[in-house]
């Protein structure tokens, strides 16, 4: 249950505490604990349970993999996701759907019964431990069942009246997307997230979705911008290469979208990293040509040609620029002739 559902503050789970279940909306607090009573729990007052503990969890029958290493969290994949895009790092804001059930199959909560996705920051204590650990192993598009022992769920006291104390819970989770929060991430995590986000952009580009690809490439570049970024030791060149390639790929998308301002902006950033990048000079030249800045465009394309005299693409770009400039001048001359002739 998230804060937008009931307006209560969210708390990281403490398996030694019990939390009251606020089911005024008709569903139970499954992944996030809401403090609905305004006082601490576990100080002599008790809650009645609507359920007995039920059957014991049978890991062998479940058929999943122990991803916790201590038998407390098993995961069984129902539908594989896209492994090439990596997994959400801690601090990411994820979008999921989930269905929570007891071991006897009784449903106690489901985001699918409500409009919209369930979104939250994973790996930072805003949800039960089973989610923080389990969802950080998932890939985009994956559907999996997380079997969470009580110490990975609601602890010895449960979440009455729907979740008994000591209960192992099953959550069928589908991971739709995530967005990394770089302020919470280490340099290594930012580099890994940047690589995954760039890969996502490449898939979107191949599918012809240039607007989405541009957004992904710019996000990848932002993850490894030098401001506030402490690069992992030995990874300086990898971070620089990732930043440069993300900017250059973003420029290609911008040109496809005829967003010439963006093309010029991203390539100018790229040239600040490598002032001899032929790709950056060519793409900035094409962006400047698209804006009608022909002198600046020719300067970029001329410089690119000097660096690679054999590039047919650069020569053709320069010739196209000359023709467009000539046509523009003829149009201006004809306009002036009509105005003052």
C-alpha atoms as a PDB file:
ATOM      1  CA  UNK A   1       0.000   0.000   0.000  1.00  0.00           C
ATOM      2  CA  UNK A   2       1.551   3.274  -0.991  1.00  0.00           C
ATOM      3  CA  UNK A   3       1.225   6.726   0.509  1.00  0.00           C
ATOM      4  CA  UNK A   4      -0.949   7.922  -2.357  1.00  0.00           C
ATOM      5  CA  UNK A   5      -3.615   5.377  -1.477  1.00  0.00           C
ATOM      6  CA  UNK A   6      -4.267   6.465   2.087  1.00  0.00           C
ATOM      7  CA  UNK A   7      -2.185   9.547   2.683  1.00  0.00           C
ATOM      8  CA  UNK A   8      -0.173   7.949   5.506  1.00  0.00           C
ATOM      9  CA  UNK A   9       3.587   8.055   5.817  1.00  0.00           C
ATOM     10  CA  UNK A  10       5.563   5.044   4.597  1.00  0.00           C
ATOM     11  CA  UNK A  11       7.989   3.177   6.832  1.00  0.00           C
ATOM     12  CA  UNK A  12      10.794   0.748   6.159  1.00  0.00           C
ATOM     13  CA  UNK A  13       9.892  -2.678   7.450  1.00  0.00           C
ATOM     14  CA  UNK A  14      11.216  -3.753  10.825  1.00  0.00           C
ATOM     15  CA  UNK A  15      10.497  -7.436  11.286  1.00  0.00           C
ATOM     16  CA  UNK A  16      10.378  -6.966  15.058  1.00  0.00           C
ATOM     17  CA  UNK A  17       7.431  -4.563  14.778  1.00  0.00           C
ATOM     18  CA  UNK A  18       3.809  -5.237  13.907  1.00  0.00           C
ATOM     19  CA  UNK A  19       1.832  -2.690  11.916  1.00  0.00           C
ATOM     20  CA  UNK A  20      -1.913  -2.229  11.862  1.00  0.00           C
ATOM     21  CA  UNK A  21      -3.581  -2.970   8.569  1.00  0.00           C
ATOM     22  CA  UNK A  22      -5.702  -0.083   7.290  1.00  0.00           C
ATOM     23  CA  UNK A  23      -8.180  -1.741   4.973  1.00  0.00           C
ATOM     24  CA  UNK A  24     -10.660   1.098   4.757  1.00  0.00           C
ATOM     25  CA  UNK A  25     -10.192   1.088   1.004  1.00  0.00           C
ATOM     26  CA  UNK A  26     -10.980  -2.586   0.774  1.00  0.00           C
ATOM     27  CA  UNK A  27      -7.479  -3.921   0.198  1.00  0.00           C
ATOM     28  CA  UNK A  28      -4.674  -4.946   2.498  1.00  0.00           C
ATOM     29  CA  UNK A  29      -1.303  -3.307   3.034  1.00  0.00           C
ATOM     30  CA  UNK A  30       0.933  -5.789   1.234  1.00  0.00           C
ATOM     31  CA  UNK A  31       4.246  -4.368   0.048  1.00  0.00           C
ATOM     32  CA  UNK A  32       4.484  -1.190   2.114  1.00  0.00           C
ATOM     33  CA  UNK A  33       3.654  -0.623   5.754  1.00  0.00           C
ATOM     34  CA  UNK A  34       1.423   2.333   6.645  1.00  0.00           C
ATOM     35  CA  UNK A  35       1.339   3.539  10.220  1.00  0.00           C
ATOM     36  CA  UNK A  36      -2.383   4.087  10.619  1.00  0.00           C
ATOM     37  CA  UNK A  37      -2.681   4.246  14.373  1.00  0.00           C
ATOM     38  CA  UNK A  38      -0.229   7.036  15.167  1.00  0.00           C
ATOM     39  CA  UNK A  39       1.488   5.006  17.914  1.00  0.00           C
ATOM     40  CA  UNK A  40       4.158   2.343  18.223  1.00  0.00           C
ATOM     41  CA  UNK A  41       3.216  -1.335  18.076  1.00  0.00           C
ATOM     42  CA  UNK A  42       4.390  -4.288  20.056  1.00  0.00           C
ATOM     43  CA  UNK A  43       3.892  -2.748  23.513  1.00  0.00           C
ATOM     44  CA  UNK A  44       1.389  -5.033  25.166  1.00  0.00           C
ATOM     45  CA  UNK A  45      -1.645  -4.616  22.912  1.00  0.00           C
ATOM     46  CA  UNK A  46      -2.666  -7.446  20.608  1.00  0.00           C
ATOM     47  CA  UNK A  47      -4.506  -7.946  17.360  1.00  0.00           C
ATOM     48  CA  UNK A  48      -6.733 -10.815  16.397  1.00  0.00           C
ATOM     49  CA  UNK A  49      -5.764 -12.854  13.364  1.00  0.00           C
ATOM     50  CA  UNK A  50      -8.364 -13.787  10.819  1.00  0.00           C
ATOM     51  CA  UNK A  51      -6.278 -16.729   9.612  1.00  0.00           C
ATOM     52  CA  UNK A  52      -4.290 -19.564  11.075  1.00  0.00           C
ATOM     53  CA  UNK A  53      -0.729 -19.777   9.869  1.00  0.00           C
ATOM     54  CA  UNK A  54      -1.736 -22.338   7.234  1.00  0.00           C
ATOM     55  CA  UNK A  55       0.420 -24.832   5.355  1.00  0.00           C
ATOM     56  CA  UNK A  56       4.201 -24.777   5.543  1.00  0.00           C
ATOM     57  CA  UNK A  57       6.200 -23.573   2.542  1.00  0.00           C
ATOM     58  CA  UNK A  58       7.588 -26.434   0.451  1.00  0.00           C
ATOM     59  CA  UNK A  59      10.604 -25.090  -1.440  1.00  0.00           C
ATOM     60  CA  UNK A  60      10.995 -28.237  -3.522  1.00  0.00           C
ATOM     61  CA  UNK A  61       7.375 -28.178  -4.649  1.00  0.00           C
ATOM     62  CA  UNK A  62       7.622 -24.448  -5.338  1.00  0.00           C
ATOM     63  CA  UNK A  63      10.479 -25.080  -7.723  1.00  0.00           C
ATOM     64  CA  UNK A  64      12.143 -21.707  -7.506  1.00  0.00           C
ATOM     65  CA  UNK A  65      15.668 -20.552  -6.745  1.00  0.00           C
ATOM     66  CA  UNK A  66      16.874 -19.403  -3.331  1.00  0.00           C
ATOM     67  CA  UNK A  67      18.027 -15.871  -4.205  1.00  0.00           C
ATOM     68  CA  UNK A  68      18.581 -14.823  -0.586  1.00  0.00           C
ATOM     69  CA  UNK A  69      21.077 -17.559   0.228  1.00  0.00           C
ATOM     70  CA  UNK A  70      19.413 -18.315   3.554  1.00  0.00           C
ATOM     71  CA  UNK A  71      16.181 -19.916   2.379  1.00  0.00           C
ATOM     72  CA  UNK A  72      14.161 -16.823   3.171  1.00  0.00           C
ATOM     73  CA  UNK A  73      13.407 -15.715  -0.377  1.00  0.00           C
ATOM     74  CA  UNK A  74      12.708 -17.937  -3.341  1.00  0.00           C
ATOM     75  CA  UNK A  75      12.036 -16.730  -6.860  1.00  0.00           C
ATOM     76  CA  UNK A  76      10.348 -18.598  -9.697  1.00  0.00           C
ATOM     77  CA  UNK A  77      10.304 -16.964 -13.119  1.00  0.00           C
ATOM     78  CA  UNK A  78       7.011 -17.351 -15.013  1.00  0.00           C
ATOM     79  CA  UNK A  79       8.015 -15.146 -17.955  1.00  0.00           C
ATOM     80  CA  UNK A  80      11.573 -14.122 -18.756  1.00  0.00           C
ATOM     81  CA  UNK A  81      12.339 -10.435 -19.197  1.00  0.00           C
ATOM     82  CA  UNK A  82      14.925  -8.634 -21.297  1.00  0.00           C
ATOM     83  CA  UNK A  83      18.247  -9.468 -19.664  1.00  0.00           C
ATOM     84  CA  UNK A  84      20.148  -7.141 -22.015  1.00  0.00           C
ATOM     85  CA  UNK A  85      18.735  -4.130 -20.166  1.00  0.00           C
ATOM     86  CA  UNK A  86      20.002  -5.262 -16.779  1.00  0.00           C
ATOM     87  CA  UNK A  87      18.110  -5.024 -13.486  1.00  0.00           C
ATOM     88  CA  UNK A  88      16.996  -1.996 -11.463  1.00  0.00           C
ATOM     89  CA  UNK A  89      19.707  -0.770  -9.096  1.00  0.00           C
ATOM     90  CA  UNK A  90      18.888   0.201  -5.525  1.00  0.00           C
ATOM     91  CA  UNK A  91      17.198   3.588  -5.435  1.00  0.00           C
ATOM     92  CA  UNK A  92      15.462   3.143  -8.778  1.00  0.00           C
ATOM     93  CA  UNK A  93      11.814   4.069  -9.095  1.00  0.00           C
ATOM     94  CA  UNK A  94      10.136   0.945 -10.451  1.00  0.00           C
ATOM     95  CA  UNK A  95       6.704   0.335 -11.947  1.00  0.00           C
ATOM     96  CA  UNK A  96       5.144  -3.037 -11.202  1.00  0.00           C
ATOM     97  CA  UNK A  97       1.930  -4.949 -10.884  1.00  0.00           C
ATOM     98  CA  UNK A  98       1.599  -7.563  -8.162  1.00  0.00           C
ATOM     99  CA  UNK A  99      -0.800 -10.079  -6.679  1.00  0.00           C
ATOM    100  CA  UNK A 100      -0.185 -11.205  -3.090  1.00  0.00           C
ATOM    101  CA  UNK A 101      -1.508 -14.513  -1.758  1.00  0.00           C
ATOM    102  CA  UNK A 102      -1.153 -16.692   1.289  1.00  0.00           C
ATOM    103  CA  UNK A 103       0.227 -20.202   0.837  1.00  0.00           C
ATOM    104  CA  UNK A 104      -3.323 -21.584   0.752  1.00  0.00           C
ATOM    105  CA  UNK A 105      -3.975 -19.445  -2.348  1.00  0.00           C
ATOM    106  CA  UNK A 106      -6.110 -16.784  -0.693  1.00  0.00           C
ATOM    107  CA  UNK A 107      -5.478 -13.343  -2.191  1.00  0.00           C
ATOM    108  CA  UNK A 108      -4.898 -10.555   0.310  1.00  0.00           C
ATOM    109  CA  UNK A 109      -3.941  -7.722  -2.058  1.00  0.00           C
ATOM    110  CA  UNK A 110      -3.470  -6.915  -5.740  1.00  0.00           C
ATOM    111  CA  UNK A 111      -2.422  -3.782  -7.590  1.00  0.00           C
ATOM    112  CA  UNK A 112      -4.285  -5.144 -10.603  1.00  0.00           C
ATOM    113  CA  UNK A 113      -7.541  -4.463  -8.762  1.00  0.00           C
ATOM    114  CA  UNK A 114      -6.757  -0.727  -8.806  1.00  0.00           C
ATOM    115  CA  UNK A 115      -6.088   1.770 -11.619  1.00  0.00           C
ATOM    116  CA  UNK A 116      -2.493   2.381 -12.670  1.00  0.00           C
ATOM    117  CA  UNK A 117       0.801   0.760 -11.755  1.00  0.00           C
ATOM    118  CA  UNK A 118       2.304   0.437  -8.310  1.00  0.00           C
ATOM    119  CA  UNK A 119       5.494   2.526  -8.260  1.00  0.00           C
ATOM    120  CA  UNK A 120       8.066   2.991  -5.540  1.00  0.00           C
ATOM    121  CA  UNK A 121      11.799   3.215  -4.858  1.00  0.00           C
ATOM    122  CA  UNK A 122      13.278  -0.248  -4.586  1.00  0.00           C
ATOM    123  CA  UNK A 123      16.201  -1.297  -2.434  1.00  0.00           C
ATOM    124  CA  UNK A 124      15.944   1.546   0.082  1.00  0.00           C
ATOM    125  CA  UNK A 125      13.621   0.104   2.739  1.00  0.00           C
ATOM    126  CA  UNK A 126      10.308   1.470   1.500  1.00  0.00           C
ATOM    127  CA  UNK A 127       8.912  -2.028   0.937  1.00  0.00           C
ATOM    128  CA  UNK A 128       9.305  -5.439   2.537  1.00  0.00           C
ATOM    129  CA  UNK A 129      12.757  -7.010   2.369  1.00  0.00           C
ATOM    130  CA  UNK A 130      11.584  -9.694  -0.049  1.00  0.00           C
ATOM    131  CA  UNK A 131      10.701  -7.015  -2.582  1.00  0.00           C
ATOM    132  CA  UNK A 132      13.859  -4.974  -2.054  1.00  0.00           C
ATOM    133  CA  UNK A 133      15.974  -8.051  -2.714  1.00  0.00           C
ATOM    134  CA  UNK A 134      13.797  -9.861  -5.249  1.00  0.00           C
ATOM    135  CA  UNK A 135      12.839  -7.032  -7.602  1.00  0.00           C
ATOM    136  CA  UNK A 136      16.465  -5.945  -7.900  1.00  0.00           C
ATOM    137  CA  UNK A 137      17.125  -9.321  -9.588  1.00  0.00           C
ATOM    138  CA  UNK A 138      14.347  -8.939 -12.176  1.00  0.00           C
ATOM    139  CA  UNK A 139      14.538  -7.768 -15.778  1.00  0.00           C
ATOM    140  CA  UNK A 140      12.135  -5.503 -17.623  1.00  0.00           C
ATOM    141  CA  UNK A 141       9.061  -7.453 -18.711  1.00  0.00           C
ATOM    142  CA  UNK A 142       9.779 -10.320 -16.312  1.00  0.00           C
ATOM    143  CA  UNK A 143       6.975 -11.988 -14.383  1.00  0.00           C
ATOM    144  CA  UNK A 144       8.050 -13.918 -11.301  1.00  0.00           C
ATOM    145  CA  UNK A 145       6.699 -15.287  -8.056  1.00  0.00           C
ATOM    146  CA  UNK A 146       8.562 -14.218  -4.929  1.00  0.00           C
ATOM    147  CA  UNK A 147       8.088 -16.567  -1.961  1.00  0.00           C
ATOM    148  CA  UNK A 148       8.886 -14.408   1.079  1.00  0.00           C
ATOM    149  CA  UNK A 149       9.466 -16.039   4.458  1.00  0.00           C
ATOM    150  CA  UNK A 150       8.100 -14.051   7.400  1.00  0.00           C
ATOM    151  CA  UNK A 151      11.415 -12.290   8.055  1.00  0.00           C
ATOM    152  CA  UNK A 152      11.370 -11.154   4.404  1.00  0.00           C
ATOM    153  CA  UNK A 153       7.710 -10.122   4.693  1.00  0.00           C
ATOM    154  CA  UNK A 154       5.705  -9.031   7.768  1.00  0.00           C
ATOM    155  CA  UNK A 155       7.551 -10.806  10.539  1.00  0.00           C
ATOM    156  CA  UNK A 156       6.283 -12.709  13.522  1.00  0.00           C
ATOM    157  CA  UNK A 157       3.288 -10.464  14.092  1.00  0.00           C
ATOM    158  CA  UNK A 158       2.072 -10.229  10.481  1.00  0.00           C
ATOM    159  CA  UNK A 159      -0.323  -7.543   9.279  1.00  0.00           C
ATOM    160  CA  UNK A 160      -3.758  -8.342  10.752  1.00  0.00           C
ATOM    161  CA  UNK A 161      -6.418  -9.108   9.902  1.00  0.00           C
ATOM    162  CA  UNK A 162      -5.460 -10.444   6.473  1.00  0.00           C
ATOM    163  CA  UNK A 163      -1.866 -11.607   7.038  1.00  0.00           C
ATOM    164  CA  UNK A 164      -1.206 -13.864  10.043  1.00  0.00           C
ATOM    165  CA  UNK A 165       1.988 -13.645  12.039  1.00  0.00           C
ATOM    166  CA  UNK A 166       4.900 -15.729  10.806  1.00  0.00           C
ATOM    167  CA  UNK A 167       3.342 -16.204   7.369  1.00  0.00           C
ATOM    168  CA  UNK A 168       5.302 -16.970   4.220  1.00  0.00           C
ATOM    169  CA  UNK A 169       3.752 -14.932   1.406  1.00  0.00           C
ATOM    170  CA  UNK A 170       3.661 -15.360  -2.362  1.00  0.00           C
ATOM    171  CA  UNK A 171       3.816 -12.319  -4.641  1.00  0.00           C
ATOM    172  CA  UNK A 172       3.398 -12.594  -8.370  1.00  0.00           C
ATOM    173  CA  UNK A 173       5.258  -9.513  -9.626  1.00  0.00           C
ATOM    174  CA  UNK A 174       5.539  -8.086 -13.134  1.00  0.00           C
ATOM    175  CA  UNK A 175       8.267  -5.483 -13.664  1.00  0.00           C
ATOM    176  CA  UNK A 176       7.384  -2.942 -16.344  1.00  0.00           C
ATOM    177  CA  UNK A 177      10.101  -0.295 -16.090  1.00  0.00           C
ATOM    178  CA  UNK A 178      12.391   1.636 -13.816  1.00  0.00           C
ATOM    179  CA  UNK A 179      14.191   4.924 -13.676  1.00  0.00           C
ATOM    180  CA  UNK A 180      17.429   5.193 -11.775  1.00  0.00           C
ATOM    181  CA  UNK A 181      17.946   7.848  -9.115  1.00  0.00           C
ATOM    182  CA  UNK A 182      21.610   8.683  -9.542  1.00  0.00           C
ATOM    183  CA  UNK A 183      21.785  10.624  -6.276  1.00  0.00           C
ATOM    184  CA  UNK A 184      21.396   7.336  -4.393  1.00  0.00           C
ATOM    185  CA  UNK A 185      23.791   5.348  -6.561  1.00  0.00           C
ATOM    186  CA  UNK A 186      27.482   4.597  -6.331  1.00  0.00           C
ATOM    187  CA  UNK A 187      29.749   5.310  -9.283  1.00  0.00           C
ATOM    188  CA  UNK A 188      29.712   1.636 -10.227  1.00  0.00           C
ATOM    189  CA  UNK A 189      25.922   1.496 -10.093  1.00  0.00           C
ATOM    190  CA  UNK A 190      25.630   4.638 -12.217  1.00  0.00           C
ATOM    191  CA  UNK A 191      27.979   3.202 -14.808  1.00  0.00           C
ATOM    192  CA  UNK A 192      26.066  -0.086 -14.943  1.00  0.00           C
ATOM    193  CA  UNK A 193      22.718   1.721 -15.112  1.00  0.00           C
ATOM    194  CA  UNK A 194      24.059   3.942 -17.888  1.00  0.00           C
ATOM    195  CA  UNK A 195      25.124   0.929 -19.943  1.00  0.00           C
ATOM    196  CA  UNK A 196      21.717  -0.691 -19.468  1.00  0.00           C
ATOM    197  CA  UNK A 197      19.868   2.503 -20.378  1.00  0.00           C
ATOM    198  CA  UNK A 198      21.982   2.981 -23.487  1.00  0.00           C
ATOM    199  CA  UNK A 199      21.191  -0.613 -24.502  1.00  0.00           C
ATOM    200  CA  UNK A 200      17.499   0.150 -24.053  1.00  0.00           C
ATOM    201  CA  UNK A 201      17.900   3.163 -26.344  1.00  0.00           C
ATOM    202  CA  UNK A 202      19.525   1.001 -29.001  1.00  0.00           C
ATOM    203  CA  UNK A 203      16.620  -1.442 -28.913  1.00  0.00           C
ATOM    204  CA  UNK A 204      14.172   1.454 -29.236  1.00  0.00           C
ATOM    205  CA  UNK A 205      16.156   2.897 -32.134  1.00  0.00           C
ATOM    206  CA  UNK A 206      16.137  -0.451 -33.954  1.00  0.00           C
ATOM    207  CA  UNK A 207      12.376  -0.577 -33.484  1.00  0.00           C
ATOM    208  CA  UNK A 208      12.060   2.849 -35.106  1.00  0.00           C
ATOM    209  CA  UNK A 209      11.011   4.628 -31.917  1.00  0.00           C
ATOM    210  CA  UNK A 210      13.456   7.510 -32.236  1.00  0.00           C
ATOM    211  CA  UNK A 211      11.808   9.757 -29.658  1.00  0.00           C
ATOM    212  CA  UNK A 212      12.004   7.092 -26.946  1.00  0.00           C
ATOM    213  CA  UNK A 213      15.549   6.206 -28.000  1.00  0.00           C
ATOM    214  CA  UNK A 214      16.608   9.860 -27.726  1.00  0.00           C
ATOM    215  CA  UNK A 215      15.214  10.021 -24.197  1.00  0.00           C
ATOM    216  CA  UNK A 216      17.074   6.838 -23.221  1.00  0.00           C
ATOM    217  CA  UNK A 217      20.380   8.004 -24.676  1.00  0.00           C
ATOM    218  CA  UNK A 218      20.119  11.350 -22.894  1.00  0.00           C
ATOM    219  CA  UNK A 219      19.285   9.554 -19.636  1.00  0.00           C
ATOM    220  CA  UNK A 220      22.315   7.279 -20.100  1.00  0.00           C
ATOM    221  CA  UNK A 221      24.531  10.307 -20.684  1.00  0.00           C
ATOM    222  CA  UNK A 222      23.118  12.042 -17.610  1.00  0.00           C
ATOM    223  CA  UNK A 223      23.955   9.051 -15.427  1.00  0.00           C
ATOM    224  CA  UNK A 224      27.665   9.428 -16.154  1.00  0.00           C
ATOM    225  CA  UNK A 225      28.014  13.196 -16.523  1.00  0.00           C
ATOM    226  CA  UNK A 226      31.112  14.357 -14.703  1.00  0.00           C
ATOM    227  CA  UNK A 227      29.281  16.702 -12.305  1.00  0.00           C
ATOM    228  CA  UNK A 228      29.071  14.879  -8.970  1.00  0.00           C
ATOM    229  CA  UNK A 229      30.113  11.603 -10.583  1.00  0.00           C
ATOM    230  CA  UNK A 230      32.940   9.731  -8.897  1.00  0.00           C
ATOM    231  CA  UNK A 231      34.031   7.215 -11.495  1.00  0.00           C
ATOM    232  CA  UNK A 232      34.993   3.750 -10.212  1.00  0.00           C
ATOM    233  CA  UNK A 233      38.751   3.297 -10.215  1.00  0.00           C
ATOM    234  CA  UNK A 234      39.928   1.810 -13.486  1.00  0.00           C
ATOM    235  CA  UNK A 235      36.664   2.631 -15.266  1.00  0.00           C
ATOM    236  CA  UNK A 236      37.433   6.179 -16.371  1.00  0.00           C
ATOM    237  CA  UNK A 237      37.796   5.270 -20.036  1.00  0.00           C
ATOM    238  CA  UNK A 238      34.635   3.139 -19.978  1.00  0.00           C
ATOM    239  CA  UNK A 239      32.640   6.021 -18.479  1.00  0.00           C
ATOM    240  CA  UNK A 240      34.041   8.472 -21.027  1.00  0.00           C
ATOM    241  CA  UNK A 241      33.240   6.101 -23.905  1.00  0.00           C
ATOM    242  CA  UNK A 242      29.710   5.558 -22.604  1.00  0.00           C
ATOM    243  CA  UNK A 243      29.084   9.291 -22.288  1.00  0.00           C
ATOM    244  CA  UNK A 244      30.454  10.026 -25.758  1.00  0.00           C
ATOM    245  CA  UNK A 245      28.565   7.230 -27.516  1.00  0.00           C
ATOM    246  CA  UNK A 246      25.302   8.095 -25.737  1.00  0.00           C
ATOM    247  CA  UNK A 247      25.573  11.719 -26.847  1.00  0.00           C
ATOM    248  CA  UNK A 248      26.419  10.753 -30.420  1.00  0.00           C
ATOM    249  CA  UNK A 249      23.561   8.248 -30.606  1.00  0.00           C
ATOM    250  CA  UNK A 250      21.233  10.866 -29.155  1.00  0.00           C
ATOM    251  CA  UNK A 251      22.315  13.272 -31.891  1.00  0.00           C
ATOM    252  CA  UNK A 252      21.449  10.690 -34.547  1.00  0.00           C
ATOM    253  CA  UNK A 253      17.955  10.342 -33.057  1.00  0.00           C
ATOM    254  CA  UNK A 254      17.549  14.109 -32.913  1.00  0.00           C
ATOM    255  CA  UNK A 255      18.450  14.407 -36.603  1.00  0.00           C
ATOM    256  CA  UNK A 256      15.913  11.692 -37.442  1.00  0.00           C
ATOM    257  CA  UNK A 257      13.310  13.702 -35.531  1.00  0.00           C
ATOM    258  CA  UNK A 258      14.476  16.963 -37.165  1.00  0.00           C
ATOM    259  CA  UNK A 259      15.138  18.322 -33.692  1.00  0.00           C
ATOM    260  CA  UNK A 260      18.147  20.281 -34.878  1.00  0.00           C
ATOM    261  CA  UNK A 261      18.616  22.269 -31.669  1.00  0.00           C
ATOM    262  CA  UNK A 262      18.993  19.015 -29.722  1.00  0.00           C
ATOM    263  CA  UNK A 263      21.350  17.618 -32.347  1.00  0.00           C
ATOM    264  CA  UNK A 264      23.598  20.660 -32.035  1.00  0.00           C
ATOM    265  CA  UNK A 265      23.436  20.608 -28.237  1.00  0.00           C
ATOM    266  CA  UNK A 266      24.374  16.930 -27.830  1.00  0.00           C
ATOM    267  CA  UNK A 267      27.171  17.051 -30.391  1.00  0.00           C
ATOM    268  CA  UNK A 268      28.621  20.194 -28.813  1.00  0.00           C
ATOM    269  CA  UNK A 269      28.774  18.274 -25.523  1.00  0.00           C
ATOM    270  CA  UNK A 270      30.406  15.370 -27.362  1.00  0.00           C
ATOM    271  CA  UNK A 271      33.047  17.665 -28.872  1.00  0.00           C
ATOM    272  CA  UNK A 272      33.873  18.954 -25.407  1.00  0.00           C
ATOM    273  CA  UNK A 273      34.913  15.369 -24.632  1.00  0.00           C
ATOM    274  CA  UNK A 274      36.641  14.677 -27.963  1.00  0.00           C
ATOM    275  CA  UNK A 275      37.217  17.692 -30.201  1.00  0.00           C
ATOM    276  CA  UNK A 276      38.430  15.444 -33.018  1.00  0.00           C
ATOM    277  CA  UNK A 277      35.320  13.253 -33.155  1.00  0.00           C
ATOM    278  CA  UNK A 278      34.414  12.996 -36.832  1.00  0.00           C
ATOM    279  CA  UNK A 279      30.938  11.720 -35.986  1.00  0.00           C
ATOM    280  CA  UNK A 280      30.286  14.645 -33.673  1.00  0.00           C
ATOM    281  CA  UNK A 281      31.523  17.183 -36.223  1.00  0.00           C
ATOM    282  CA  UNK A 282      29.463  15.613 -39.003  1.00  0.00           C
ATOM    283  CA  UNK A 283      26.274  15.389 -36.950  1.00  0.00           C
ATOM    284  CA  UNK A 284      26.649  18.900 -35.586  1.00  0.00           C
ATOM    285  CA  UNK A 285      27.219  20.107 -39.126  1.00  0.00           C
ATOM    286  CA  UNK A 286      24.007  18.423 -40.250  1.00  0.00           C
ATOM    287  CA  UNK A 287      22.149  19.891 -37.286  1.00  0.00           C
ATOM    288  CA  UNK A 288      23.442  23.373 -38.048  1.00  0.00           C
ATOM    289  CA  UNK A 289      22.477  22.928 -41.686  1.00  0.00           C
ATOM    290  CA  UNK A 290      18.977  21.973 -40.577  1.00  0.00           C
ATOM    291  CA  UNK A 291      18.805  25.215 -38.592  1.00  0.00           C
ATOM    292  CA  UNK A 292      19.984  27.206 -41.606  1.00  0.00           C
ATOM    293  CA  UNK A 293      23.325  28.093 -40.019  1.00  0.00           C
ATOM    294  CA  UNK A 294      25.223  27.291 -43.189  1.00  0.00           C
ATOM    295  CA  UNK A 295      28.576  28.922 -42.425  1.00  0.00           C
ATOM    296  CA  UNK A 296      28.889  27.089 -39.106  1.00  0.00           C
ATOM    297  CA  UNK A 297      27.696  23.870 -40.732  1.00  0.00           C
ATOM    298  CA  UNK A 298      30.312  24.104 -43.474  1.00  0.00           C
ATOM    299  CA  UNK A 299      33.015  24.773 -40.896  1.00  0.00           C
ATOM    300  CA  UNK A 300      32.114  21.591 -39.012  1.00  0.00           C
ATOM    301  CA  UNK A 301      31.894  19.499 -42.167  1.00  0.00           C
ATOM    302  CA  UNK A 302      35.138  20.925 -43.531  1.00  0.00           C
ATOM    303  CA  UNK A 303      36.896  20.026 -40.280  1.00  0.00           C
ATOM    304  CA  UNK A 304      35.439  16.510 -40.404  1.00  0.00           C
ATOM    305  CA  UNK A 305      36.668  16.138 -43.979  1.00  0.00           C
ATOM    306  CA  UNK A 306      40.169  17.230 -42.975  1.00  0.00           C
ATOM    307  CA  UNK A 307      40.205  14.529 -40.306  1.00  0.00           C
ATOM    308  CA  UNK A 308      38.854  11.885 -42.701  1.00  0.00           C
ATOM    309  CA  UNK A 309      39.351  12.912 -46.346  1.00  0.00           C
ATOM    310  CA  UNK A 310      37.974   9.574 -47.555  1.00  0.00           C
ATOM    311  CA  UNK A 311      34.574   9.895 -45.869  1.00  0.00           C
ATOM    312  CA  UNK A 312      31.890   9.856 -48.548  1.00  0.00           C
ATOM    313  CA  UNK A 313      29.229  10.709 -45.956  1.00  0.00           C
ATOM    314  CA  UNK A 314      31.023  13.890 -44.941  1.00  0.00           C
ATOM    315  CA  UNK A 315      31.597  14.969 -48.578  1.00  0.00           C
ATOM    316  CA  UNK A 316      27.962  14.412 -49.426  1.00  0.00           C
ATOM    317  CA  UNK A 317      26.906  16.350 -46.333  1.00  0.00           C
ATOM    318  CA  UNK A 318      29.118  19.277 -47.304  1.00  0.00           C
ATOM    319  CA  UNK A 319      27.769  19.284 -50.885  1.00  0.00           C
ATOM    320  CA  UNK A 320      24.207  19.172 -49.586  1.00  0.00           C
ATOM    321  CA  UNK A 321      24.961  22.120 -47.329  1.00  0.00           C
ATOM    322  CA  UNK A 322      26.378  24.157 -50.234  1.00  0.00           C
ATOM    323  CA  UNK A 323      23.299  23.430 -52.345  1.00  0.00           C
ATOM    324  CA  UNK A 324      20.878  24.360 -49.575  1.00  0.00           C
ATOM    325  CA  UNK A 325      22.774  27.552 -48.870  1.00  0.00           C
ATOM    326  CA  UNK A 326      22.707  28.454 -52.564  1.00  0.00           C
ATOM    327  CA  UNK A 327      18.980  27.752 -52.784  1.00  0.00           C
ATOM    328  CA  UNK A 328      18.360  29.848 -49.683  1.00  0.00           C
ATOM    329  CA  UNK A 329      20.320  32.776 -51.147  1.00  0.00           C
ATOM    330  CA  UNK A 330      18.421  32.562 -54.429  1.00  0.00           C
ATOM    331  CA  UNK A 331      15.152  32.559 -52.511  1.00  0.00           C
ATOM    332  CA  UNK A 332      16.238  35.611 -50.545  1.00  0.00           C
ATOM    333  CA  UNK A 333      17.324  37.402 -53.752  1.00  0.00           C
ATOM    334  CA  UNK A 334      13.986  36.686 -55.422  1.00  0.00           C
ATOM    335  CA  UNK A 335      12.137  37.926 -52.329  1.00  0.00           C
ATOM    336  CA  UNK A 336      14.116  41.159 -52.256  1.00  0.00           C
ATOM    337  CA  UNK A 337      13.491  41.614 -55.979  1.00  0.00           C
ATOM    338  CA  UNK A 338       9.740  41.405 -55.439  1.00  0.00           C
ATOM    339  CA  UNK A 339       9.857  43.719 -52.462  1.00  0.00           C
ATOM    340  CA  UNK A 340      12.026  46.458 -54.012  1.00  0.00           C
ATOM    341  CA  UNK A 341      11.794  45.878 -57.766  1.00  0.00           C
END
